[in-house]
PDB file of N, CA and C in Angstrom:
ATOM      1  N   MET A   1       8.284  -1.307 -17.042  1.00  0.00           N
ATOM      2  CA  MET A   1       7.561  -1.783 -15.889  1.00  0.00           C
ATOM      3  C   MET A   1       7.261  -0.600 -14.965  1.00  0.00           C
ATOM      4  N   ARG A   2       6.007  -0.463 -14.598  1.00  0.00           N
ATOM      5  CA  ARG A   2       5.588   0.622 -13.710  1.00  0.00           C
ATOM      6  C   ARG A   2       5.470   0.093 -12.285  1.00  0.00           C
ATOM      7  N   LYS A   3       6.106   0.819 -11.360  1.00  0.00           N
ATOM      8  CA  LYS A   3       6.112   0.408  -9.958  1.00  0.00           C
ATOM      9  C   LYS A   3       5.475   1.496  -9.103  1.00  0.00           C
ATOM     10  N   ALA A   4       4.872   1.077  -7.998  1.00  0.00           N
ATOM     11  CA  ALA A   4       4.293   2.016  -7.037  1.00  0.00           C
ATOM     12  C   ALA A   4       4.729   1.620  -5.639  1.00  0.00           C
ATOM     13  N   VAL A   5       4.816   2.623  -4.772  1.00  0.00           N
ATOM     14  CA  VAL A   5       5.121   2.385  -3.366  1.00  0.00           C
ATOM     15  C   VAL A   5       3.954   2.916  -2.544  1.00  0.00           C
ATOM     16  N   VAL A   6       3.420   2.061  -1.688  1.00  0.00           N
ATOM     17  CA  VAL A   6       2.365   2.459  -0.755  1.00  0.00           C
ATOM     18  C   VAL A   6       2.967   2.340   0.637  1.00  0.00           C
ATOM     19  N   ALA A   7       3.129   3.471   1.309  1.00  0.00           N
ATOM     20  CA  ALA A   7       3.784   3.470   2.618  1.00  0.00           C
ATOM     21  C   ALA A   7       2.828   3.943   3.703  1.00  0.00           C
ATOM     22  N   GLY A   8       2.992   3.393   4.892  1.00  0.00           N
ATOM     23  CA  GLY A   8       2.177   3.823   6.022  1.00  0.00           C
ATOM     24  C   GLY A   8       2.421   2.963   7.237  1.00  0.00           C
ATOM     25  N   SER A   9       1.832   3.386   8.361  1.00  0.00           N
ATOM     26  CA  SER A   9       1.955   2.574   9.575  1.00  0.00           C
ATOM     27  C   SER A   9       0.877   1.498   9.606  1.00  0.00           C
ATOM     28  N   PHE A  10      -0.263   1.760   8.965  1.00  0.00           N
ATOM     29  CA  PHE A  10      -1.356   0.788   8.870  1.00  0.00           C
ATOM     30  C   PHE A  10      -1.673   0.188  10.238  1.00  0.00           C
ATOM     31  N   ASP A  11      -1.795   1.064  11.243  1.00  0.00           N
ATOM     32  CA  ASP A  11      -1.970   0.600  12.616  1.00  0.00           C
ATOM     33  C   ASP A  11      -3.267   1.128  13.201  1.00  0.00           C
ATOM     34  N   PRO A  12      -4.328   0.389  13.099  1.00  0.00           N
ATOM     35  CA  PRO A  12      -4.494  -0.934  12.496  1.00  0.00           C
ATOM     36  C   PRO A  12      -4.801  -0.808  11.009  1.00  0.00           C
ATOM     37  N   ILE A  13      -4.596  -1.877  10.275  1.00  0.00           N
ATOM     38  CA  ILE A  13      -4.925  -1.877   8.855  1.00  0.00           C
ATOM     39  C   ILE A  13      -6.448  -1.841   8.714  1.00  0.00           C
ATOM     40  N   THR A  14      -6.930  -1.029   7.788  1.00  0.00           N
ATOM     41  CA  THR A  14      -8.372  -0.870   7.594  1.00  0.00           C
ATOM     42  C   THR A  14      -8.753  -1.288   6.179  1.00  0.00           C
ATOM     43  N   ASN A  15     -10.044  -1.361   5.935  1.00  0.00           N
ATOM     44  CA  ASN A  15     -10.514  -1.664   4.581  1.00  0.00           C
ATOM     45  C   ASN A  15     -10.073  -0.586   3.602  1.00  0.00           C
ATOM     46  N   GLY A  16      -9.949   0.650   4.060  1.00  0.00           N
ATOM     47  CA  GLY A  16      -9.461   1.733   3.207  1.00  0.00           C
ATOM     48  C   GLY A  16      -8.027   1.508   2.764  1.00  0.00           C
ATOM     49  N   HIS A  17      -7.182   1.060   3.694  1.00  0.00           N
ATOM     50  CA  HIS A  17      -5.794   0.738   3.341  1.00  0.00           C
ATOM     51  C   HIS A  17      -5.759  -0.372   2.291  1.00  0.00           C
ATOM     52  N   LEU A  18      -6.536  -1.417   2.539  1.00  0.00           N
ATOM     53  CA  LEU A  18      -6.566  -2.544   1.601  1.00  0.00           C
ATOM     54  C   LEU A  18      -7.075  -2.107   0.234  1.00  0.00           C
ATOM     55  N   ASP A  19      -8.040  -1.181   0.216  1.00  0.00           N
ATOM     56  CA  ASP A  19      -8.585  -0.679  -1.043  1.00  0.00           C
ATOM     57  C   ASP A  19      -7.515   0.067  -1.843  1.00  0.00           C
ATOM     58  N   ILE A  20      -6.736   0.896  -1.167  1.00  0.00           N
ATOM     59  CA  ILE A  20      -5.664   1.633  -1.848  1.00  0.00           C
ATOM     60  C   ILE A  20      -4.641   0.672  -2.443  1.00  0.00           C
ATOM     61  N   ILE A  21      -4.267  -0.350  -1.682  1.00  0.00           N
ATOM     62  CA  ILE A  21      -3.293  -1.332  -2.169  1.00  0.00           C
ATOM     63  C   ILE A  21      -3.862  -2.102  -3.355  1.00  0.00           C
ATOM     64  N   GLU A  22      -5.125  -2.506  -3.250  1.00  0.00           N
ATOM     65  CA  GLU A  22      -5.756  -3.260  -4.337  1.00  0.00           C
ATOM     66  C   GLU A  22      -5.881  -2.414  -5.605  1.00  0.00           C
ATOM     67  N   ARG A  23      -6.300  -1.167  -5.460  1.00  0.00           N
ATOM     68  CA  ARG A  23      -6.415  -0.285  -6.637  1.00  0.00           C
ATOM     69  C   ARG A  23      -5.051  -0.041  -7.272  1.00  0.00           C
ATOM     70  N   SER A  24      -4.038   0.102  -6.437  1.00  0.00           N
ATOM     71  CA  SER A  24      -2.681   0.296  -6.955  1.00  0.00           C
ATOM     72  C   SER A  24      -2.234  -0.906  -7.769  1.00  0.00           C
ATOM     73  N   SER A  25      -2.595  -2.100  -7.309  1.00  0.00           N
ATOM     74  CA  SER A  25      -2.181  -3.313  -8.023  1.00  0.00           C
ATOM     75  C   SER A  25      -2.849  -3.423  -9.390  1.00  0.00           C
ATOM     76  N   GLU A  26      -3.994  -2.764  -9.562  1.00  0.00           N
ATOM     77  CA  GLU A  26      -4.665  -2.767 -10.867  1.00  0.00           C
ATOM     78  C   GLU A  26      -4.031  -1.771 -11.830  1.00  0.00           C
ATOM     79  N   LEU A  27      -3.387  -0.732 -11.289  1.00  0.00           N
ATOM     80  CA  LEU A  27      -2.817   0.327 -12.117  1.00  0.00           C
ATOM     81  C   LEU A  27      -1.334   0.130 -12.427  1.00  0.00           C
ATOM     82  N   PHE A  28      -0.622  -0.597 -11.551  1.00  0.00           N
ATOM     83  CA  PHE A  28       0.821  -0.742 -11.687  1.00  0.00           C
ATOM     84  C   PHE A  28       1.209  -2.204 -11.827  1.00  0.00           C
ATOM     85  N   ASP A  29       2.377  -2.427 -12.431  1.00  0.00           N
ATOM     86  CA  ASP A  29       2.886  -3.788 -12.616  1.00  0.00           C
ATOM     87  C   ASP A  29       3.386  -4.380 -11.304  1.00  0.00           C
ATOM     88  N   GLU A  30       3.927  -3.528 -10.451  1.00  0.00           N
ATOM     89  CA  GLU A  30       4.472  -3.984  -9.169  1.00  0.00           C
ATOM     90  C   GLU A  30       4.113  -2.964  -8.099  1.00  0.00           C
ATOM     91  N   VAL A  31       3.653  -3.441  -6.955  1.00  0.00           N
ATOM     92  CA  VAL A  31       3.324  -2.565  -5.829  1.00  0.00           C
ATOM     93  C   VAL A  31       4.154  -3.008  -4.628  1.00  0.00           C
ATOM     94  N   ILE A  32       4.894  -2.069  -4.077  1.00  0.00           N
ATOM     95  CA  ILE A  32       5.708  -2.329  -2.900  1.00  0.00           C
ATOM     96  C   ILE A  32       5.008  -1.673  -1.716  1.00  0.00           C
ATOM     97  N   VAL A  33       4.682  -2.467  -0.701  1.00  0.00           N
ATOM     98  CA  VAL A  33       4.030  -1.951   0.502  1.00  0.00           C
ATOM     99  C   VAL A  33       5.092  -1.813   1.581  1.00  0.00           C
ATOM    100  N   VAL A  34       5.255  -0.581   2.083  1.00  0.00           N
ATOM    101  CA  VAL A  34       6.265  -0.291   3.097  1.00  0.00           C
ATOM    102  C   VAL A  34       5.551  -0.024   4.414  1.00  0.00           C
ATOM    103  N   LEU A  35       5.901  -0.805   5.431  1.00  0.00           N
ATOM    104  CA  LEU A  35       5.314  -0.634   6.760  1.00  0.00           C
ATOM    105  C   LEU A  35       6.263   0.166   7.638  1.00  0.00           C
ATOM    106  N   SER A  36       5.728   1.188   8.299  1.00  0.00           N
ATOM    107  CA  SER A  36       6.536   1.957   9.240  1.00  0.00           C
ATOM    108  C   SER A  36       6.023   1.709  10.649  1.00  0.00           C
ATOM    109  N   HIS A  37       6.814   2.080  11.609  1.00  0.00           N
ATOM    110  CA  HIS A  37       6.483   1.842  13.011  1.00  0.00           C
ATOM    111  C   HIS A  37       6.006   3.152  13.630  1.00  0.00           C
ATOM    112  N   ASN A  38       4.852   3.124  14.267  1.00  0.00           N
ATOM    113  CA  ASN A  38       4.358   4.281  15.008  1.00  0.00           C
ATOM    114  C   ASN A  38       5.067   4.351  16.349  1.00  0.00           C
ATOM    115  N   VAL A  39       5.646   5.491  16.642  1.00  0.00           N
ATOM    116  CA  VAL A  39       6.354   5.640  17.919  1.00  0.00           C
ATOM    117  C   VAL A  39       5.539   6.497  18.850  1.00  0.00           C
TER     118      VAL A  39
END
């Protein structure tokens, strides 16, 4: 099983962020999206 991690603050989330997540889901069996907090 191939896994990927997509990490970022996504503040605000953009179509580019969504595109990266969607493309990752086509290439990997599991995609974990990690949200961080902008300080």
